[in-house]
Amino acid sequence: MKSHLENALDYLLLAKQESQDSSFERSQMLNKAIENISLLLTEPEDSWTPPNRHDFLIADLLIEACQ
């Protein structure tokens, strides 16, 4: 089963691809990414790990998607 982080990354990459096709589909993908990030942020504290390269990639994609 994929982690919330992996799912968020998948949805952000899809949103990036959809950005040229349909703003509605792009919006749906961004909402799914945000859902997965929210799930990740509400996980128990003892399961927290320091940011890694994927976290920074997600942050970069979120910034790009919001511009």
PDB file of N, CA and C in Angstrom:
ATOM      1  N   MET A   1       0.837  -1.184   0.000  1.00  0.00           N
ATOM      2  CA  MET A   1       0.000   0.000   0.000  1.00  0.00           C
ATOM      3  C   MET A   1       0.885   1.251   0.000  1.00  0.00           C
ATOM      4  N   LYS A   2       0.542   2.200  -0.817  1.00  0.00           N
ATOM      5  CA  LYS A   2       1.340   3.418  -0.922  1.00  0.00           C
ATOM      6  C   LYS A   2       1.139   4.317   0.291  1.00  0.00           C
ATOM      7  N   SER A   3       2.180   5.035   0.642  1.00  0.00           N
ATOM      8  CA  SER A   3       2.067   5.988   1.743  1.00  0.00           C
ATOM      9  C   SER A   3       1.324   7.236   1.273  1.00  0.00           C
ATOM     10  N   HIS A   4       0.851   8.018   2.231  1.00  0.00           N
ATOM     11  CA  HIS A   4       0.178   9.271   1.893  1.00  0.00           C
ATOM     12  C   HIS A   4       1.116  10.179   1.106  1.00  0.00           C
ATOM     13  N   LEU A   5       2.400  10.135   1.443  1.00  0.00           N
ATOM     14  CA  LEU A   5       3.383  10.960   0.756  1.00  0.00           C
ATOM     15  C   LEU A   5       3.498  10.558  -0.711  1.00  0.00           C
ATOM     16  N   GLU A   6       3.566   9.266  -0.963  1.00  0.00           N
ATOM     17  CA  GLU A   6       3.654   8.791  -2.349  1.00  0.00           C
ATOM     18  C   GLU A   6       2.389   9.137  -3.133  1.00  0.00           C
ATOM     19  N   ASN A   7       1.238   8.983  -2.489  1.00  0.00           N
ATOM     20  CA  ASN A   7      -0.018   9.345  -3.152  1.00  0.00           C
ATOM     21  C   ASN A   7      -0.057  10.832  -3.474  1.00  0.00           C
ATOM     22  N   ALA A   8       0.369  11.654  -2.523  1.00  0.00           N
ATOM     23  CA  ALA A   8       0.379  13.102  -2.747  1.00  0.00           C
ATOM     24  C   ALA A   8       1.278  13.446  -3.925  1.00  0.00           C
ATOM     25  N   LEU A   9       2.442  12.833  -3.973  1.00  0.00           N
ATOM     26  CA  LEU A   9       3.376  13.083  -5.070  1.00  0.00           C
ATOM     27  C   LEU A   9       2.758  12.670  -6.405  1.00  0.00           C
ATOM     28  N   ASP A  10       2.106  11.507  -6.437  1.00  0.00           N
ATOM     29  CA  ASP A  10       1.452  11.057  -7.674  1.00  0.00           C
ATOM     30  C   ASP A  10       0.405  12.066  -8.141  1.00  0.00           C
ATOM     31  N   TYR A  11      -0.428  12.528  -7.209  1.00  0.00           N
ATOM     32  CA  TYR A  11      -1.482  13.482  -7.578  1.00  0.00           C
ATOM     33  C   TYR A  11      -0.903  14.821  -8.027  1.00  0.00           C
ATOM     34  N   LEU A  12       0.181  15.255  -7.395  1.00  0.00           N
ATOM     35  CA  LEU A  12       0.801  16.516  -7.813  1.00  0.00           C
ATOM     36  C   LEU A  12       1.391  16.398  -9.211  1.00  0.00           C
ATOM     37  N   LEU A  13       1.994  15.266  -9.499  1.00  0.00           N
ATOM     38  CA  LEU A  13       2.542  15.066 -10.842  1.00  0.00           C
ATOM     39  C   LEU A  13       1.422  15.023 -11.876  1.00  0.00           C
ATOM     40  N   LEU A  14       0.300  14.377 -11.530  1.00  0.00           N
ATOM     41  CA  LEU A  14      -0.852  14.365 -12.436  1.00  0.00           C
ATOM     42  C   LEU A  14      -1.399  15.777 -12.637  1.00  0.00           C
ATOM     43  N   ALA A  15      -1.466  16.546 -11.559  1.00  0.00           N
ATOM     44  CA  ALA A  15      -1.964  17.924 -11.657  1.00  0.00           C
ATOM     45  C   ALA A  15      -1.068  18.746 -12.567  1.00  0.00           C
ATOM     46  N   LYS A  16       0.226  18.514 -12.471  1.00  0.00           N
ATOM     47  CA  LYS A  16       1.167  19.237 -13.328  1.00  0.00           C
ATOM     48  C   LYS A  16       0.915  18.892 -14.799  1.00  0.00           C
ATOM     49  N   GLN A  17       0.644  17.622 -15.091  1.00  0.00           N
ATOM     50  CA  GLN A  17       0.359  17.199 -16.464  1.00  0.00           C
ATOM     51  C   GLN A  17      -0.974  17.752 -16.945  1.00  0.00           C
ATOM     52  N   GLU A  18      -1.969  17.781 -16.065  1.00  0.00           N
ATOM     53  CA  GLU A  18      -3.311  18.236 -16.429  1.00  0.00           C
ATOM     54  C   GLU A  18      -3.387  19.748 -16.582  1.00  0.00           C
ATOM     55  N   SER A  19      -2.395  20.464 -16.099  1.00  0.00           N
ATOM     56  CA  SER A  19      -2.472  21.928 -16.094  1.00  0.00           C
ATOM     57  C   SER A  19      -2.632  22.506 -17.491  1.00  0.00           C
ATOM     58  N   GLN A  20      -2.194  21.780 -18.499  1.00  0.00           N
ATOM     59  CA  GLN A  20      -2.326  22.272 -19.862  1.00  0.00           C
ATOM     60  C   GLN A  20      -3.654  21.851 -20.491  1.00  0.00           C
ATOM     61  N   ASP A  21      -4.316  20.864 -19.890  1.00  0.00           N
ATOM     62  CA  ASP A  21      -5.533  20.315 -20.481  1.00  0.00           C
ATOM     63  C   ASP A  21      -6.812  20.889 -19.880  1.00  0.00           C
ATOM     64  N   SER A  22      -6.969  20.802 -18.584  1.00  0.00           N
ATOM     65  CA  SER A  22      -8.229  21.183 -17.956  1.00  0.00           C
ATOM     66  C   SER A  22      -7.992  21.685 -16.541  1.00  0.00           C
ATOM     67  N   SER A  23      -8.442  22.887 -16.267  1.00  0.00           N
ATOM     68  CA  SER A  23      -8.251  23.422 -14.923  1.00  0.00           C
ATOM     69  C   SER A  23      -9.106  22.667 -13.905  1.00  0.00           C
ATOM     70  N   PHE A  24     -10.257  22.115 -14.329  1.00  0.00           N
ATOM     71  CA  PHE A  24     -11.097  21.335 -13.415  1.00  0.00           C
ATOM     72  C   PHE A  24     -10.373  20.063 -12.986  1.00  0.00           C
ATOM     73  N   GLU A  25      -9.800  19.338 -13.946  1.00  0.00           N
ATOM     74  CA  GLU A  25      -9.076  18.109 -13.620  1.00  0.00           C
ATOM     75  C   GLU A  25      -7.841  18.422 -12.785  1.00  0.00           C
ATOM     76  N   ARG A  26      -7.186  19.499 -13.106  1.00  0.00           N
ATOM     77  CA  ARG A  26      -6.015  19.918 -12.335  1.00  0.00           C
ATOM     78  C   ARG A  26      -6.422  20.207 -10.897  1.00  0.00           C
ATOM     79  N   SER A  27      -7.539  20.891 -10.736  1.00  0.00           N
ATOM     80  CA  SER A  27      -8.043  21.213  -9.409  1.00  0.00           C
ATOM     81  C   SER A  27      -8.361  19.944  -8.620  1.00  0.00           C
ATOM     82  N   GLN A  28      -8.951  18.960  -9.281  1.00  0.00           N
ATOM     83  CA  GLN A  28      -9.250  17.689  -8.614  1.00  0.00           C
ATOM     84  C   GLN A  28      -7.973  16.999  -8.137  1.00  0.00           C
ATOM     85  N   MET A  29      -6.956  16.994  -8.976  1.00  0.00           N
ATOM     86  CA  MET A  29      -5.695  16.355  -8.604  1.00  0.00           C
ATOM     87  C   MET A  29      -5.035  17.088  -7.437  1.00  0.00           C
ATOM     88  N   LEU A  30      -5.089  18.424  -7.455  1.00  0.00           N
ATOM     89  CA  LEU A  30      -4.517  19.196  -6.351  1.00  0.00           C
ATOM     90  C   LEU A  30      -5.278  18.930  -5.057  1.00  0.00           C
ATOM     91  N   ASN A  31      -6.598  18.824  -5.141  1.00  0.00           N
ATOM     92  CA  ASN A  31      -7.391  18.519  -3.948  1.00  0.00           C
ATOM     93  C   ASN A  31      -7.035  17.150  -3.378  1.00  0.00           C
ATOM     94  N   LYS A  32      -6.823  16.168  -4.244  1.00  0.00           N
ATOM     95  CA  LYS A  32      -6.427  14.831  -3.784  1.00  0.00           C
ATOM     96  C   LYS A  32      -5.049  14.880  -3.125  1.00  0.00           C
ATOM     97  N   ALA A  33      -4.146  15.663  -3.693  1.00  0.00           N
ATOM     98  CA  ALA A  33      -2.816  15.806  -3.103  1.00  0.00           C
ATOM     99  C   ALA A  33      -2.924  16.431  -1.717  1.00  0.00           C
ATOM    100  N   ILE A  34      -3.745  17.474  -1.602  1.00  0.00           N
ATOM    101  CA  ILE A  34      -3.924  18.147  -0.316  1.00  0.00           C
ATOM    102  C   ILE A  34      -4.536  17.185   0.705  1.00  0.00           C
ATOM    103  N   GLU A  35      -5.492  16.368   0.278  1.00  0.00           N
ATOM    104  CA  GLU A  35      -6.088  15.353   1.165  1.00  0.00           C
ATOM    105  C   GLU A  35      -5.018  14.425   1.723  1.00  0.00           C
ATOM    106  N   ASN A  36      -4.143  13.952   0.846  1.00  0.00           N
ATOM    107  CA  ASN A  36      -3.096  13.029   1.284  1.00  0.00           C
ATOM    108  C   ASN A  36      -2.084  13.708   2.188  1.00  0.00           C
ATOM    109  N   ILE A  37      -1.784  14.963   1.921  1.00  0.00           N
ATOM    110  CA  ILE A  37      -0.866  15.701   2.786  1.00  0.00           C
ATOM    111  C   ILE A  37      -1.515  15.911   4.153  1.00  0.00           C
ATOM    112  N   SER A  38      -2.811  16.200   4.177  1.00  0.00           N
ATOM    113  CA  SER A  38      -3.532  16.353   5.443  1.00  0.00           C
ATOM    114  C   SER A  38      -3.493  15.059   6.247  1.00  0.00           C
ATOM    115  N   LEU A  39      -3.699  13.931   5.571  1.00  0.00           N
ATOM    116  CA  LEU A  39      -3.623  12.637   6.253  1.00  0.00           C
ATOM    117  C   LEU A  39      -2.227  12.404   6.821  1.00  0.00           C
ATOM    118  N   LEU A  40      -1.228  12.793   6.051  1.00  0.00           N
ATOM    119  CA  LEU A  40       0.151  12.641   6.496  1.00  0.00           C
ATOM    120  C   LEU A  40       0.413  13.483   7.741  1.00  0.00           C
ATOM    121  N   LEU A  41      -0.117  14.706   7.754  1.00  0.00           N
ATOM    122  CA  LEU A  41       0.118  15.615   8.875  1.00  0.00           C
ATOM    123  C   LEU A  41      -0.639  15.219  10.134  1.00  0.00           C
ATOM    124  N   THR A  42      -1.671  14.410   9.995  1.00  0.00           N
ATOM    125  CA  THR A  42      -2.445  14.000  11.168  1.00  0.00           C
ATOM    126  C   THR A  42      -2.044  12.618  11.678  1.00  0.00           C
ATOM    127  N   GLU A  43      -0.988  12.056  11.129  1.00  0.00           N
ATOM    128  CA  GLU A  43      -0.491  10.776  11.631  1.00  0.00           C
ATOM    129  C   GLU A  43       0.073  10.981  13.034  1.00  0.00           C
ATOM    130  N   PRO A  44       0.097   9.932  13.850  1.00  0.00           N
ATOM    131  CA  PRO A  44       0.636  10.054  15.214  1.00  0.00           C
ATOM    132  C   PRO A  44       2.058  10.611  15.212  1.00  0.00           C
ATOM    133  N   GLU A  45       2.362  11.374  16.247  1.00  0.00           N
ATOM    134  CA  GLU A  45       3.673  12.035  16.314  1.00  0.00           C
ATOM    135  C   GLU A  45       4.837  11.064  16.276  1.00  0.00           C
ATOM    136  N   ASP A  46       4.673   9.891  16.878  1.00  0.00           N
ATOM    137  CA  ASP A  46       5.797   8.953  16.923  1.00  0.00           C
ATOM    138  C   ASP A  46       6.133   8.358  15.559  1.00  0.00           C
ATOM    139  N   SER A  47       5.284   8.595  14.569  1.00  0.00           N
ATOM    140  CA  SER A  47       5.582   8.091  13.227  1.00  0.00           C
ATOM    141  C   SER A  47       6.233   9.159  12.347  1.00  0.00           C
ATOM    142  N   TRP A  48       6.480  10.350  12.911  1.00  0.00           N
ATOM    143  CA  TRP A  48       7.073  11.444  12.153  1.00  0.00           C
ATOM    144  C   TRP A  48       8.527  11.138  11.840  1.00  0.00           C
ATOM    145  N   THR A  49       8.940  11.484  10.633  1.00  0.00           N
ATOM    146  CA  THR A  49      10.342  11.356  10.237  1.00  0.00           C
ATOM    147  C   THR A  49      10.795  12.687   9.645  1.00  0.00           C
ATOM    148  N   PRO A  50      12.080  12.983   9.718  1.00  0.00           N
ATOM    149  CA  PRO A  50      12.575  14.244   9.155  1.00  0.00           C
ATOM    150  C   PRO A  50      12.304  14.325   7.655  1.00  0.00           C
ATOM    151  N   PRO A  51      12.208  15.546   7.118  1.00  0.00           N
ATOM    152  CA  PRO A  51      11.968  15.708   5.677  1.00  0.00           C
ATOM    153  C   PRO A  51      13.055  15.016   4.853  1.00  0.00           C
ATOM    154  N   ASN A  52      12.637  14.476   3.744  1.00  0.00           N
ATOM    155  CA  ASN A  52      13.599  13.858   2.833  1.00  0.00           C
ATOM    156  C   ASN A  52      13.447  14.491   1.455  1.00  0.00           C
ATOM    157  N   ARG A  53      14.107  13.933   0.488  1.00  0.00           N
ATOM    158  CA  ARG A  53      14.105  14.505  -0.860  1.00  0.00           C
ATOM    159  C   ARG A  53      12.701  14.532  -1.463  1.00  0.00           C
ATOM    160  N   HIS A  54      11.877  13.519  -1.176  1.00  0.00           N
ATOM    161  CA  HIS A  54      10.508  13.496  -1.692  1.00  0.00           C
ATOM    162  C   HIS A  54       9.675  14.631  -1.104  1.00  0.00           C
ATOM    163  N   ASP A  55       9.890  14.932   0.174  1.00  0.00           N
ATOM    164  CA  ASP A  55       9.155  16.029   0.811  1.00  0.00           C
ATOM    165  C   ASP A  55       9.450  17.348   0.102  1.00  0.00           C
ATOM    166  N   PHE A  56      10.706  17.571  -0.229  1.00  0.00           N
ATOM    167  CA  PHE A  56      11.075  18.814  -0.895  1.00  0.00           C
ATOM    168  C   PHE A  56      10.548  18.854  -2.329  1.00  0.00           C
ATOM    169  N   LEU A  57      10.502  17.699  -2.986  1.00  0.00           N
ATOM    170  CA  LEU A  57       9.929  17.624  -4.331  1.00  0.00           C
ATOM    171  C   LEU A  57       8.445  17.976  -4.282  1.00  0.00           C
ATOM    172  N   ILE A  58       7.740  17.457  -3.288  1.00  0.00           N
ATOM    173  CA  ILE A  58       6.320  17.776  -3.126  1.00  0.00           C
ATOM    174  C   ILE A  58       6.141  19.268  -2.868  1.00  0.00           C
ATOM    175  N   ALA A  59       6.969  19.832  -2.016  1.00  0.00           N
ATOM    176  CA  ALA A  59       6.870  21.266  -1.732  1.00  0.00           C
ATOM    177  C   ALA A  59       7.094  22.078  -3.004  1.00  0.00           C
ATOM    178  N   ASP A  60       8.084  21.716  -3.793  1.00  0.00           N
ATOM    179  CA  ASP A  60       8.350  22.426  -5.051  1.00  0.00           C
ATOM    180  C   ASP A  60       7.166  22.326  -6.008  1.00  0.00           C
ATOM    181  N   LEU A  61       6.568  21.133  -6.106  1.00  0.00           N
ATOM    182  CA  LEU A  61       5.422  20.952  -6.996  1.00  0.00           C
ATOM    183  C   LEU A  61       4.205  21.733  -6.510  1.00  0.00           C
ATOM    184  N   LEU A  62       4.004  21.785  -5.193  1.00  0.00           N
ATOM    185  CA  LEU A  62       2.891  22.573  -4.649  1.00  0.00           C
ATOM    186  C   LEU A  62       3.069  24.052  -4.956  1.00  0.00           C
ATOM    187  N   ILE A  63       4.269  24.548  -4.769  1.00  0.00           N
ATOM    188  CA  ILE A  63       4.550  25.960  -5.061  1.00  0.00           C
ATOM    189  C   ILE A  63       4.302  26.240  -6.538  1.00  0.00           C
ATOM    190  N   GLU A  64       4.797  25.363  -7.398  1.00  0.00           N
ATOM    191  CA  GLU A  64       4.610  25.533  -8.844  1.00  0.00           C
ATOM    192  C   GLU A  64       3.130  25.475  -9.220  1.00  0.00           C
ATOM    193  N   ALA A  65       2.389  24.557  -8.612  1.00  0.00           N
ATOM    194  CA  ALA A  65       0.970  24.393  -8.930  1.00  0.00           C
ATOM    195  C   ALA A  65       0.149  25.606  -8.506  1.00  0.00           C
ATOM    196  N   CYS A  66       0.576  26.273  -7.462  1.00  0.00           N
ATOM    197  CA  CYS A  66      -0.182  27.420  -6.945  1.00  0.00           C
ATOM    198  C   CYS A  66       0.140  28.718  -7.678  1.00  0.00           C
ATOM    199  N   GLN A  67       1.127  28.713  -8.524  1.00  0.00           N
ATOM    200  CA  GLN A  67       1.506  29.947  -9.225  1.00  0.00           C
ATOM    201  C   GLN A  67       0.663  30.172 -10.453  1.00  0.00           C
TER     202      GLN A  67
END
